[in-house]
Protein backbone atom coordinates (compact mmCIF):
# COMPACT_ATOMS: atom_id res chain seq x y z
CA LEU A 1 23.60 -65.46 -70.12
CA PRO A 2 24.81 -66.84 -66.82
CA GLN A 3 27.15 -63.88 -66.51
CA ARG A 4 24.33 -61.55 -67.22
CA LEU A 5 22.17 -63.33 -64.68
CA ALA A 6 25.00 -63.16 -62.17
CA ALA A 7 25.41 -59.45 -62.86
CA LEU A 8 21.67 -58.90 -62.50
CA ALA A 9 21.67 -60.90 -59.28
CA THR A 10 24.57 -58.84 -57.97
CA THR A 11 22.79 -55.63 -58.96
CA ALA A 12 19.60 -56.85 -57.38
CA GLN A 13 21.47 -57.76 -54.20
CA GLU A 14 23.11 -54.33 -54.19
CA GLU A 15 19.74 -52.64 -54.69
CA ALA A 16 18.23 -54.83 -51.96
CA ARG A 17 21.08 -53.87 -49.61
CA GLN A 18 20.59 -50.17 -50.42
CA SER A 19 16.83 -50.53 -49.96
CA GLN A 20 17.43 -52.19 -46.58
CA GLN A 21 19.76 -49.33 -45.59
CA GLN A 22 17.17 -46.79 -46.71
CA LEU A 23 14.48 -48.71 -44.84
CA LEU A 24 16.68 -48.81 -41.72
CA ALA A 25 17.36 -45.04 -42.05
CA GLN A 26 13.65 -44.36 -42.51
CA ARG A 27 12.79 -46.53 -39.49
CA GLN A 28 15.33 -44.59 -37.43
CA GLU A 29 13.83 -41.33 -38.72
CA VAL A 30 10.32 -42.58 -37.83
CA ALA A 31 11.54 -43.60 -34.35
CA ARG A 32 13.14 -40.16 -33.87
CA LEU A 33 9.96 -38.41 -35.07
CA GLN A 34 7.81 -40.60 -32.78
CA GLU A 35 10.05 -39.68 -29.87
CA GLN A 36 9.71 -35.96 -30.75
CA LEU A 37 5.95 -36.40 -31.06
CA SER A 38 5.84 -38.11 -27.66
CA ARG A 39 7.84 -35.26 -26.07
CA ALA A 40 5.63 -32.69 -27.80
CA ARG A 41 2.52 -34.41 -26.43
CA GLN A 42 4.02 -34.47 -22.93
CA ASP A 43 4.90 -30.78 -23.24
CA GLY A 44 1.38 -30.08 -24.50
CA GLU A 45 -0.11 -31.90 -21.52
CA ARG A 46 2.15 -29.99 -19.13
CA TRP A 47 1.22 -26.68 -20.75
CA ALA A 48 -2.47 -27.58 -20.70
CA SER A 49 -2.31 -28.45 -16.98
CA ALA A 50 -0.30 -25.27 -16.28
CA LEU A 51 -2.90 -23.25 -18.19
CA GLN A 52 -5.75 -24.85 -16.23
CA ARG A 53 -3.92 -24.20 -12.96
CA ALA A 54 -3.29 -20.55 -13.94
CA GLN A 55 -6.94 -20.10 -14.94
CA ARG A 56 -8.09 -21.63 -11.65
CA GLU A 57 -5.75 -19.36 -9.68
CA ALA A 58 -6.94 -16.32 -11.66
CA LEU A 59 -10.56 -17.17 -10.86
CA GLU A 60 -9.70 -17.58 -7.17
CA ARG A 61 -7.84 -14.23 -7.15
CA GLU A 62 -10.78 -12.58 -8.88
CA ALA A 63 -13.19 -13.99 -6.29
CA THR A 64 -10.90 -12.90 -3.44
CA ARG A 65 -10.52 -9.43 -4.95
CA GLY A 66 -14.28 -9.13 -5.36
CA ALA A 67 -14.84 -10.10 -1.74
CA GLU A 68 -12.13 -7.68 -0.58
CA GLN A 69 -13.62 -4.89 -2.67
CA ALA A 70 -17.08 -5.57 -1.20
CA ARG A 71 -15.58 -5.52 2.31
CA GLN A 72 -13.82 -2.21 1.61
CA GLN A 73 -17.01 -0.68 0.21
CA GLU A 74 -18.86 -1.79 3.35
CA LEU A 75 -16.11 -0.23 5.48
CA ILE A 76 -16.31 3.02 3.52
CA ARG A 77 -20.09 3.07 3.93
CA ASP A 78 -19.71 2.52 7.69
CA MET A 79 -17.05 5.24 7.93
CA LYS A 80 -19.27 7.71 6.05
CA GLY A 81 -22.14 6.91 8.41
CA ARG A 82 -19.89 7.40 11.44
CA LEU A 83 -18.60 10.68 9.98
CA LEU A 84 -22.17 11.94 9.58
CA GLU A 85 -22.92 10.94 13.17
CA LEU A 86 -19.84 12.79 14.41
CA LEU A 87 -20.72 15.87 12.37
CA ARG A 88 -24.24 15.92 13.80
CA GLU A 89 -22.82 15.46 17.30
CA LYS A 90 -20.32 18.29 16.71
CA ASP A 91 -23.09 20.58 15.46
CA ALA A 92 -25.25 19.74 18.46
CA LEU A 93 -22.35 20.46 20.85
CA TRP A 94 -21.53 23.67 19.01
CA GLN A 95 -25.13 24.84 19.31
CA LYS A 96 -25.11 24.04 23.04
CA THR A 97 -21.87 25.99 23.61
CA GLU A 98 -22.62 28.88 21.25
CA GLY A 99 -23.82 31.20 24.02
CA ILE A 100 -21.05 30.37 26.46
CA ASP A 101 -18.34 33.02 26.59
CA THR A 102 -14.80 32.08 27.46
CA PRO A 103 -13.57 33.76 30.61
CA MET A 104 -10.79 36.30 30.34
CA PRO A 105 -7.54 35.13 31.87
CA SER A 106 -7.03 36.45 35.32
CA PRO A 107 -4.05 38.72 35.58
CA ALA A 108 -1.17 36.99 37.26
CA PRO A 109 0.70 38.53 40.15
CA HIS A 110 3.47 40.78 38.85
CA ASP A 111 6.15 40.42 41.47
CA THR A 112 6.44 36.67 41.82
CA GLY A 113 9.43 34.59 40.85
CA PHE A 114 7.14 31.92 39.38
CA CYS A 115 5.46 31.45 36.00
CA ALA A 116 1.82 32.57 36.14
CA ARG A 117 0.67 29.48 34.18
CA CYS A 118 2.84 26.47 35.15
CA HIS A 119 4.27 27.90 38.42
CA LYS A 120 7.85 27.08 37.42
CA ASP A 121 10.32 29.24 39.28
CA PHE A 122 12.47 31.60 37.25
CA ARG A 123 16.18 30.97 37.55
CA LEU A 124 19.31 31.92 35.71
CA LEU A 125 18.52 29.76 32.68
CA SER A 126 14.71 30.11 32.63
CA ARG A 127 13.84 33.51 31.27
CA ARG A 128 10.62 35.28 32.20
CA TYR A 129 8.47 37.08 29.64
CA ASN A 130 5.78 39.67 30.21
CA CYS A 131 2.50 38.83 28.49
CA ARG A 132 1.61 41.81 26.27
CA LEU A 133 -2.11 41.24 26.90
CA CYS A 134 -2.58 40.37 30.57
CA GLN A 135 0.83 41.60 31.81
CA GLY A 136 1.51 38.33 33.62
CA LYS A 137 5.00 36.86 33.88
CA VAL A 138 5.35 33.54 32.01
CA CYS A 139 8.16 31.17 31.10
CA HIS A 140 9.27 30.34 27.56
CA ALA A 141 7.19 27.14 27.42
CA CYS A 142 4.00 28.97 28.45
CA SER A 143 4.42 31.86 26.01
CA VAL A 144 3.92 32.38 22.28
CA ASP A 145 5.98 34.67 20.07
CA MET A 146 3.60 36.92 18.13
CA GLY A 147 6.31 38.52 16.00
CA LYS A 148 6.50 42.32 16.20
CA GLN A 149 3.77 42.37 18.84
CA GLY A 150 6.03 40.58 21.31
CA ARG A 151 5.20 37.51 23.41
CA CYS A 152 1.98 36.61 25.16
CA CYS A 153 0.86 33.75 27.37
CA LEU A 154 -0.80 30.70 25.81
CA LEU A 155 -4.20 31.45 27.34
CA CYS A 156 -4.33 34.97 25.88
CA TYR A 157 -3.08 33.71 22.52
CA GLN A 158 -5.77 30.98 22.42
CA GLN A 159 -8.50 33.51 23.20
CA ARG A 160 -7.29 35.87 20.53
CA HIS A 161 -6.72 33.08 17.96
CA PRO A 162 -9.33 30.36 18.61
CA PRO A 163 -8.41 26.96 17.12
CA ALA A 164 -10.19 26.11 13.85
CA THR A 165 -12.64 23.20 14.19
């Protein structure tokens, strides 16, 4: 019986030692899990604060965009009003000038060595052209090429082809 008791005591001690090792391993596992939980909570708090910051920034951007859009709409409204004013002013000026005829260009002297429009003297490198409409002599800068019809002075060209308004 004493041997049996000794064997049981040894077995009990061995089981106690194994239980202590298991308990130690479980405590280490619990400590590791608590550390992971703590890190997860910290990460959660960081993400929550980042989310709040992002939401706050999004609201601020939305408010800024709304204000900018309102400002642009106001600017567009002002520009449309100004355009209407300018159109009315243009129509009024057009009605005032409707009866006014543009004078015909006066024929330039034919024998001069100067351009009839800018009075530049003709030299070796500055060619003179005869205007096909008023027969005046003009330089290259004061003439317009009308294709097969030849060249004419700017004044005659403008009277024949009034600018579109």
